[in-house]
Amino acid sequence: MISDSRSGDDYLKGRGAQFNPHNRFAANLYVKEHIEGIDDWETENQKTAFIDGKSKSIVNKVASPDVGMAYSLNPYQGCEHGCTYCYARNSHEYWGFSAGLDFERKIIVKKDAPDLFRKFLERKSWTAETISLSGNTDCYQPAERDYKLTRQLLEIALEYKQPIGMITKNSLILRDIDILAEMAKFNLCSAYISINTLNEKLRLQMEPRTTTVKQRLRVVEELAKAGIPTGVMVAPLIPGLTDHEIPAILKTIASAGAQKAGYTVVRLNGAVASIFEDWLKANFPDRFEKVWHMIQSCHNGNVNDSRFGQRMTGEGNIAQLIKDTFKLHCRLNQLNIKQHTLDRSLFKVPKVQLSLF
């Protein structure tokens, strides 16, 4: 159930979603409508829980032709960052959870990721195509500080000379700059930082547990100084809310050392639509109708479009204006001048050292 005026004590600070929409795979739905009529209703724990996850494989082939990656590796499922628009929320339903608060509070940790990664790289059929870390949830979300799975995966990638592409919105990536700089010497890595607004207040509302805008710009600068090919994903752009920032964002990231930039237009697939709608009404009630209709105008009258080729950048007048503005300011700031391809010719499975005794 969506509230049109969730605010004050009812608003969960530090969380993007404010409720748990129904899991489409669940047979039953439980709703607390009259608290006096329920004897055993338990209020759910607001703290983040970390759950051990088991997987048969850790590297996934990406079938979508318009996301810019062929393979992805995700050591975590769910993400405490709490970005209200996150398309990955829907994948949490496959694990039996909701795409809403569950996505932010029930984090599945794949502790076997390093072992599974080695097994994957040692397949005879593997041809060392670039693997994106991560393609779904952020590999540098808060849990990484304790579990260090991403760092272990990078150490393995360096050992095998496996090309890795990274995308994150967390400054924790700087912890691993030693490994990334070493990989960059062999042209084995590139990194994208996600920045879709320079407005710190909006960032805090929209992405409550992410790194600040100032910190992300510092990350871009530090990675570039270390010789790591660095870009920025201005994603997702939200028409009527953040699209006017395109010129300022591109100028700022170019000054920080970014070499490339890409973008997407927000699309609200599955349960994300109700989560974002609820957030938009609560935080921008005066702008809700305008923003909502502008998003619809980019997706043929809907807030989501699943068609390859259109779903990421949208279509129509507003989408075209965003595209033209982005292209112009990339050119003015000398972004996307050179194509960069990682080197997979160095890939080699390390020889096992046999003991003499």
Protein backbone atom coordinates (compact mmCIF):
# COMPACT_ATOMS: atom_id res chain seq x y z
CA MET A 1 0.00 0.00 0.00
CA ILE A 2 1.45 3.37 -1.02
CA SER A 3 1.16 6.47 1.10
CA ASP A 4 0.72 9.82 -0.65
CA SER A 5 2.16 11.75 2.27
CA ARG A 6 4.72 9.61 4.09
CA SER A 7 6.81 11.97 6.16
CA GLY A 8 7.98 12.82 9.68
CA ASP A 9 8.14 9.87 12.07
CA ASP A 10 6.75 7.54 9.39
CA TYR A 11 9.72 8.15 7.09
CA LEU A 12 12.63 5.73 7.54
CA LYS A 13 15.80 7.80 7.45
CA GLY A 14 18.72 6.16 5.70
CA ARG A 15 16.47 3.97 3.56
CA GLY A 16 15.40 4.56 -0.02
CA ALA A 17 12.36 2.30 -0.11
CA GLN A 18 9.80 2.90 2.62
CA PHE A 19 7.82 -0.34 2.34
CA ASN A 20 7.97 -3.87 0.98
CA PRO A 21 5.95 -4.32 -2.21
CA HIS A 22 4.54 -7.79 -2.76
CA ASN A 23 6.92 -10.38 -4.20
CA ARG A 24 5.37 -11.44 -7.52
CA PHE A 25 6.56 -15.01 -6.94
CA ALA A 26 4.96 -15.31 -3.50
CA ALA A 27 1.58 -17.02 -3.21
CA ASN A 28 0.40 -15.09 -0.16
CA LEU A 29 0.35 -11.45 0.88
CA TYR A 30 0.15 -10.31 4.49
CA VAL A 31 -1.01 -6.75 5.23
CA LYS A 32 -1.36 -5.03 8.60
CA GLU A 33 -4.60 -3.04 8.20
CA HIS A 34 -6.02 -3.08 11.75
CA ILE A 35 -3.31 -3.49 14.36
CA GLU A 36 -5.82 -4.14 17.16
CA GLY A 37 -7.05 -7.24 15.33
CA ILE A 38 -3.70 -9.00 15.09
CA ASP A 39 -2.34 -10.75 18.18
CA ASP A 40 1.02 -12.05 16.98
CA TRP A 41 2.17 -9.41 14.50
CA GLU A 42 5.90 -8.80 14.88
CA THR A 43 7.51 -5.53 13.84
CA GLU A 44 10.33 -6.30 11.45
CA ASN A 45 13.90 -5.59 12.54
CA GLN A 46 15.12 -2.38 10.94
CA LYS A 47 18.80 -3.38 11.05
CA THR A 48 20.62 -4.85 8.09
CA ALA A 49 20.96 -8.63 8.13
CA PHE A 50 23.67 -10.50 6.26
CA ILE A 51 22.76 -13.91 4.88
CA ASP A 52 25.15 -16.57 3.60
CA GLY A 53 24.43 -17.33 -0.04
CA LYS A 54 25.37 -20.42 -2.00
CA SER A 55 25.75 -20.41 -5.78
CA LYS A 56 26.64 -22.98 -8.41
CA SER A 57 28.41 -20.32 -10.45
CA ILE A 58 29.45 -16.73 -9.78
CA VAL A 59 29.94 -15.38 -13.33
CA ASN A 60 26.81 -14.74 -15.38
CA LYS A 61 26.55 -14.29 -19.12
CA VAL A 62 24.62 -11.09 -19.92
CA ALA A 63 22.07 -11.65 -22.66
CA SER A 64 21.06 -7.99 -22.98
CA PRO A 65 22.79 -6.33 -25.96
CA ASP A 66 22.50 -2.76 -24.67
CA VAL A 67 24.14 -2.75 -21.23
CA GLY A 68 27.74 -2.68 -22.39
CA MET A 69 28.88 -5.91 -20.77
CA ALA A 70 29.12 -9.55 -21.80
CA TYR A 71 29.67 -11.13 -18.37
CA SER A 72 28.98 -9.94 -14.83
CA LEU A 73 30.16 -11.03 -11.40
CA ASN A 74 28.19 -10.10 -8.27
CA PRO A 75 29.57 -11.09 -4.84
CA TYR A 76 26.54 -9.56 -3.10
CA GLN A 77 22.78 -9.72 -3.71
CA GLY A 78 20.76 -6.84 -2.36
CA CYS A 79 22.38 -3.47 -1.64
CA GLU A 80 22.39 -1.28 1.44
CA HIS A 81 22.95 1.85 -0.66
CA GLY A 82 19.17 2.07 -1.01
CA CYS A 83 18.97 3.85 -4.37
CA THR A 84 15.28 4.39 -4.99
CA TYR A 85 15.43 3.78 -8.75
CA CYS A 86 17.67 0.68 -8.74
CA TYR A 87 16.69 -1.84 -11.42
CA ALA A 88 18.44 -4.60 -9.45
CA ARG A 89 15.74 -4.50 -6.79
CA ASN A 90 13.56 -6.86 -8.81
CA SER A 91 16.22 -9.60 -8.74
CA HIS A 92 15.80 -9.85 -4.95
CA GLU A 93 12.41 -11.44 -5.54
CA TYR A 94 14.10 -14.53 -6.98
CA TRP A 95 15.61 -15.12 -3.55
CA GLY A 96 12.20 -14.98 -1.85
CA PHE A 97 12.46 -11.38 -0.64
CA SER A 98 10.79 -8.09 -1.52
CA ALA A 99 12.30 -5.54 -3.90
CA GLY A 100 11.63 -2.83 -1.31
CA LEU A 101 13.09 -2.65 2.18
CA ASP A 102 14.20 -6.29 2.01
CA PHE A 103 16.57 -5.35 -0.83
CA GLU A 104 18.32 -2.88 1.49
CA ARG A 105 18.10 -4.80 4.76
CA LYS A 106 18.66 -8.44 3.76
CA ILE A 107 22.01 -8.68 2.02
CA ILE A 108 23.07 -12.04 0.63
CA VAL A 109 26.83 -12.52 0.91
CA LYS A 110 28.38 -15.02 -1.48
CA LYS A 111 31.39 -16.08 0.59
CA ASP A 112 32.25 -18.79 -1.92
CA ALA A 113 32.67 -16.22 -4.71
CA PRO A 114 36.50 -16.39 -4.83
CA ASP A 115 36.57 -20.20 -5.14
CA LEU A 116 33.82 -20.16 -7.77
CA PHE A 117 35.66 -17.45 -9.69
CA ARG A 118 38.81 -19.57 -9.90
CA LYS A 119 36.82 -22.55 -11.11
CA PHE A 120 35.17 -20.41 -13.76
CA LEU A 121 38.45 -18.99 -15.06
CA GLU A 122 39.94 -22.47 -15.30
CA ARG A 123 37.30 -23.75 -17.72
CA LYS A 124 38.94 -24.85 -20.95
CA SER A 125 36.37 -22.97 -22.99
CA TRP A 126 37.01 -19.60 -21.32
CA THR A 127 38.44 -16.96 -23.66
CA ALA A 128 39.08 -14.14 -21.16
CA GLU A 129 36.35 -11.76 -22.21
CA THR A 130 35.95 -8.76 -19.92
CA ILE A 131 33.95 -9.46 -16.78
CA SER A 132 32.04 -6.60 -15.14
CA LEU A 133 32.24 -6.30 -11.38
CA SER A 134 29.41 -5.70 -10.67
CA GLY A 135 26.62 -5.83 -13.21
CA ASN A 136 23.80 -5.92 -10.69
CA THR A 137 24.46 -4.70 -7.14
CA ASP A 138 27.43 -2.58 -6.06
CA CYS A 139 30.52 -4.65 -5.29
CA TYR A 140 31.75 -1.88 -2.94
CA GLN A 141 28.60 -1.53 -0.87
CA PRO A 142 29.11 -1.24 2.94
CA ALA A 143 29.30 -5.03 3.46
CA GLU A 144 32.55 -5.13 1.47
CA ARG A 145 34.42 -3.39 4.30
CA ASP A 146 34.03 -6.52 6.42
CA TYR A 147 33.86 -9.36 3.90
CA LYS A 148 36.51 -8.13 1.40
CA LEU A 149 35.14 -10.38 -1.35
CA THR A 150 35.71 -7.80 -4.09
CA ARG A 151 39.35 -7.41 -3.13
CA GLN A 152 39.83 -11.19 -3.25
CA LEU A 153 38.23 -11.31 -6.69
CA LEU A 154 40.55 -8.59 -7.97
CA GLU A 155 43.59 -10.44 -6.60
CA ILE A 156 42.50 -13.53 -8.53
CA ALA A 157 41.88 -11.48 -11.69
CA LEU A 158 45.41 -10.05 -11.48
CA GLU A 159 46.88 -13.50 -10.90
CA TYR A 160 45.14 -14.90 -13.99
CA LYS A 161 45.51 -11.66 -16.00
CA GLN A 162 41.73 -11.57 -16.43
CA PRO A 163 40.31 -8.23 -17.74
CA ILE A 164 37.85 -6.59 -15.34
CA GLY A 165 35.49 -3.65 -15.78
CA MET A 166 34.18 -2.01 -12.61
CA ILE A 167 31.29 0.29 -11.74
CA THR A 168 30.56 1.65 -8.29
CA LYS A 169 29.31 4.68 -6.39
CA ASN A 170 31.34 4.00 -3.26
CA SER A 171 34.74 5.47 -2.37
CA LEU A 172 35.79 2.11 -0.91
CA ILE A 173 37.22 1.33 -4.35
CA LEU A 174 40.22 3.45 -3.36
CA ARG A 175 41.17 0.79 -0.82
CA ASP A 176 42.02 -1.46 -3.76
CA ILE A 177 43.83 1.12 -5.86
CA ASP A 178 47.06 -0.85 -5.42
CA ILE A 179 45.63 -3.87 -7.24
CA LEU A 180 43.80 -1.79 -9.84
CA ALA A 181 46.93 0.24 -10.63
CA GLU A 182 48.90 -2.96 -11.11
CA MET A 183 46.20 -4.37 -13.39
CA ALA A 184 46.17 -1.11 -15.34
CA LYS A 185 49.87 -1.57 -16.16
CA PHE A 186 48.80 -4.63 -18.15
CA ASN A 187 45.69 -2.93 -19.54
CA LEU A 188 43.46 -5.28 -17.56
CA CYS A 189 41.00 -2.95 -15.88
CA SER A 190 38.81 0.11 -16.22
CA ALA A 191 36.51 1.78 -13.72
CA TYR A 192 33.30 3.76 -13.93
CA ILE A 193 31.96 5.85 -11.07
CA SER A 194 28.21 6.52 -10.96
CA ILE A 195 27.34 10.22 -10.58
CA ASN A 196 23.88 11.39 -11.62
CA THR A 197 23.66 14.61 -9.61
CA LEU A 198 25.96 17.22 -8.06
CA ASN A 199 23.23 18.20 -5.62
CA GLU A 200 24.25 16.69 -2.29
CA LYS A 201 20.81 17.11 -0.71
CA LEU A 202 19.18 15.28 -3.60
CA ARG A 203 21.87 12.57 -3.49
CA LEU A 204 21.12 11.96 0.19
CA GLN A 205 17.38 11.70 -0.48
CA MET A 206 17.69 9.52 -3.58
CA GLU A 207 20.70 7.35 -2.63
CA PRO A 208 20.73 7.50 1.18
CA ARG A 209 23.71 5.27 2.01
CA THR A 210 26.04 6.05 -0.86
CA THR A 211 29.26 8.05 -0.88
CA THR A 212 28.89 11.82 -1.13
CA VAL A 213 29.23 13.64 -4.44
CA LYS A 214 32.46 15.25 -3.25
CA GLN A 215 33.94 11.87 -2.40
CA ARG A 216 32.97 10.37 -5.76
CA LEU A 217 34.72 13.20 -7.58
CA ARG A 218 37.79 12.52 -5.44
CA VAL A 219 37.59 8.86 -6.47
CA VAL A 220 37.58 9.85 -10.14
CA GLU A 221 40.62 12.04 -9.56
CA GLU A 222 42.57 9.42 -7.59
CA LEU A 223 41.86 6.60 -10.04
CA ALA A 224 42.86 8.76 -13.01
CA LYS A 225 46.10 9.82 -11.28
CA ALA A 226 46.91 6.15 -10.70
CA GLY A 227 46.71 5.50 -14.45
CA ILE A 228 43.44 3.57 -14.29
CA PRO A 229 41.14 4.27 -17.26
CA THR A 230 38.27 6.08 -15.55
CA GLY A 231 34.81 7.06 -16.69
CA VAL A 232 31.53 8.22 -15.18
CA MET A 233 28.05 6.84 -15.68
CA VAL A 234 25.58 9.71 -15.39
CA ALA A 235 22.85 7.26 -14.59
CA PRO A 236 20.06 7.22 -14.35
CA LEU A 237 19.07 10.68 -15.49
CA ILE A 238 15.61 11.58 -14.17
CA PRO A 239 13.71 13.95 -16.47
CA GLY A 240 12.47 16.99 -14.57
CA LEU A 241 14.74 16.25 -11.61
CA THR A 242 18.36 15.77 -12.69
CA ASP A 243 18.58 16.10 -16.49
CA HIS A 244 19.27 19.85 -16.27
CA GLU A 245 22.58 18.99 -14.53
CA ILE A 246 24.12 17.32 -17.58
CA PRO A 247 26.38 20.26 -18.62
CA ALA A 248 27.66 20.85 -15.06
CA ILE A 249 28.24 17.14 -14.36
CA LEU A 250 30.21 16.54 -17.55
CA LYS A 251 32.35 19.63 -17.05
CA THR A 252 33.07 18.68 -13.44
CA ILE A 253 34.00 15.06 -14.12
CA ALA A 254 36.24 16.03 -17.04
CA SER A 255 38.10 18.42 -14.74
CA ALA A 256 38.50 15.58 -12.24
CA GLY A 257 40.18 13.38 -14.85
CA ALA A 258 37.40 11.25 -16.31
CA GLN A 259 38.05 10.13 -19.87
CA LYS A 260 34.64 8.69 -20.68
CA ALA A 261 31.01 9.26 -19.84
CA GLY A 262 27.79 7.38 -20.46
CA TYR A 263 24.19 7.80 -19.40
CA THR A 264 20.82 6.12 -19.13
CA VAL A 265 17.33 7.53 -18.70
CA VAL A 266 15.51 6.16 -15.67
CA ARG A 267 13.12 3.30 -16.33
CA LEU A 268 10.96 1.92 -13.56
CA ASN A 269 10.60 -1.79 -14.19
CA GLY A 270 8.60 -4.19 -12.05
CA ALA A 271 8.30 -3.32 -8.36
CA VAL A 272 10.68 -0.36 -8.79
CA ALA A 273 7.77 1.69 -10.20
CA SER A 274 5.78 1.65 -6.95
CA ILE A 275 8.91 2.21 -4.83
CA PHE A 276 10.03 5.22 -6.85
CA GLU A 277 6.50 6.60 -7.07
CA ASP A 278 6.18 6.47 -3.29
CA TRP A 279 9.57 8.17 -2.84
CA LEU A 280 8.83 10.88 -5.39
CA LYS A 281 5.47 11.73 -3.80
CA ALA A 282 7.00 11.92 -0.33
CA ASN A 283 10.04 14.00 -1.26
CA PHE A 284 8.82 16.09 -4.19
CA PRO A 285 5.02 16.32 -3.95
CA ASP A 286 4.97 19.61 -5.86
CA ARG A 287 6.93 18.11 -8.75
CA PHE A 288 5.51 14.62 -8.76
CA GLU A 289 3.09 14.99 -11.70
CA LYS A 290 5.64 16.78 -13.86
CA VAL A 291 8.47 14.30 -13.27
CA TRP A 292 6.20 11.26 -13.58
CA HIS A 293 4.75 12.42 -16.90
CA MET A 294 8.20 13.30 -18.25
CA ILE A 295 9.42 9.79 -17.46
CA GLN A 296 6.36 8.40 -19.25
CA SER A 297 7.07 10.58 -22.27
CA CYS A 298 10.46 8.88 -22.61
CA HIS A 299 8.95 5.37 -22.61
CA ASN A 300 6.01 5.57 -24.98
CA GLY A 301 3.53 6.57 -22.27
CA ASN A 302 4.81 4.13 -19.65
CA VAL A 303 7.40 4.40 -16.91
CA ASN A 304 9.24 1.35 -18.24
CA ASP A 305 10.19 0.05 -21.66
CA SER A 306 11.81 -3.37 -22.00
CA ARG A 307 12.65 -3.13 -25.69
CA PHE A 308 16.34 -3.45 -26.50
CA GLY A 309 17.64 -0.31 -28.12
CA GLN A 310 15.08 2.00 -26.51
CA ARG A 311 14.91 0.98 -22.87
CA MET A 312 18.18 2.56 -21.72
CA THR A 313 17.93 5.99 -23.34
CA GLY A 314 14.23 6.26 -24.12
CA GLU A 315 12.59 7.87 -27.12
CA GLY A 316 10.52 10.97 -27.88
CA ASN A 317 11.27 14.68 -27.65
CA ILE A 318 12.56 14.77 -24.08
CA ALA A 319 14.77 11.70 -24.57
CA GLN A 320 16.15 13.22 -27.78
CA LEU A 321 16.91 16.51 -26.00
CA ILE A 322 18.78 14.61 -23.29
CA LYS A 323 20.72 12.67 -25.93
CA ASP A 324 21.68 15.80 -27.89
CA THR A 325 22.68 17.71 -24.74
CA PHE A 326 24.79 14.84 -23.48
CA LYS A 327 26.55 14.37 -26.81
CA LEU A 328 27.26 18.10 -27.16
CA HIS A 329 28.79 18.48 -23.71
CA CYS A 330 30.84 15.31 -24.05
CA ARG A 331 32.38 16.88 -27.14
CA LEU A 332 32.91 20.25 -25.44
CA ASN A 333 34.68 18.54 -22.53
CA GLN A 334 36.66 16.13 -24.73
CA LEU A 335 35.07 13.02 -23.26
CA ASN A 336 34.79 9.72 -25.18
CA ILE A 337 37.55 10.79 -27.58
CA LYS A 338 39.32 7.43 -27.64
CA GLN A 339 38.02 3.90 -27.67
CA HIS A 340 39.59 1.68 -25.03
CA THR A 341 39.70 -2.11 -25.17
CA LEU A 342 41.13 -4.23 -22.40
CA ASP A 343 43.80 -6.81 -23.25
CA ARG A 344 42.74 -10.44 -22.96
CA SER A 345 45.80 -11.87 -24.70
CA LEU A 346 47.72 -12.10 -21.40
CA PHE A 347 45.24 -14.43 -19.73
CA LYS A 348 46.81 -17.58 -18.35
CA VAL A 349 45.81 -20.13 -15.72
CA PRO A 350 48.64 -20.23 -13.15
CA LYS A 351 50.52 -23.50 -12.87
CA VAL A 352 49.93 -25.43 -9.67
CA GLN A 353 53.08 -25.77 -7.55
CA LEU A 354 53.38 -29.46 -6.60
CA SER A 355 54.94 -30.33 -3.28
CA LEU A 356 58.10 -32.56 -3.31
CA PHE A 357 57.05 -34.26 -0.11
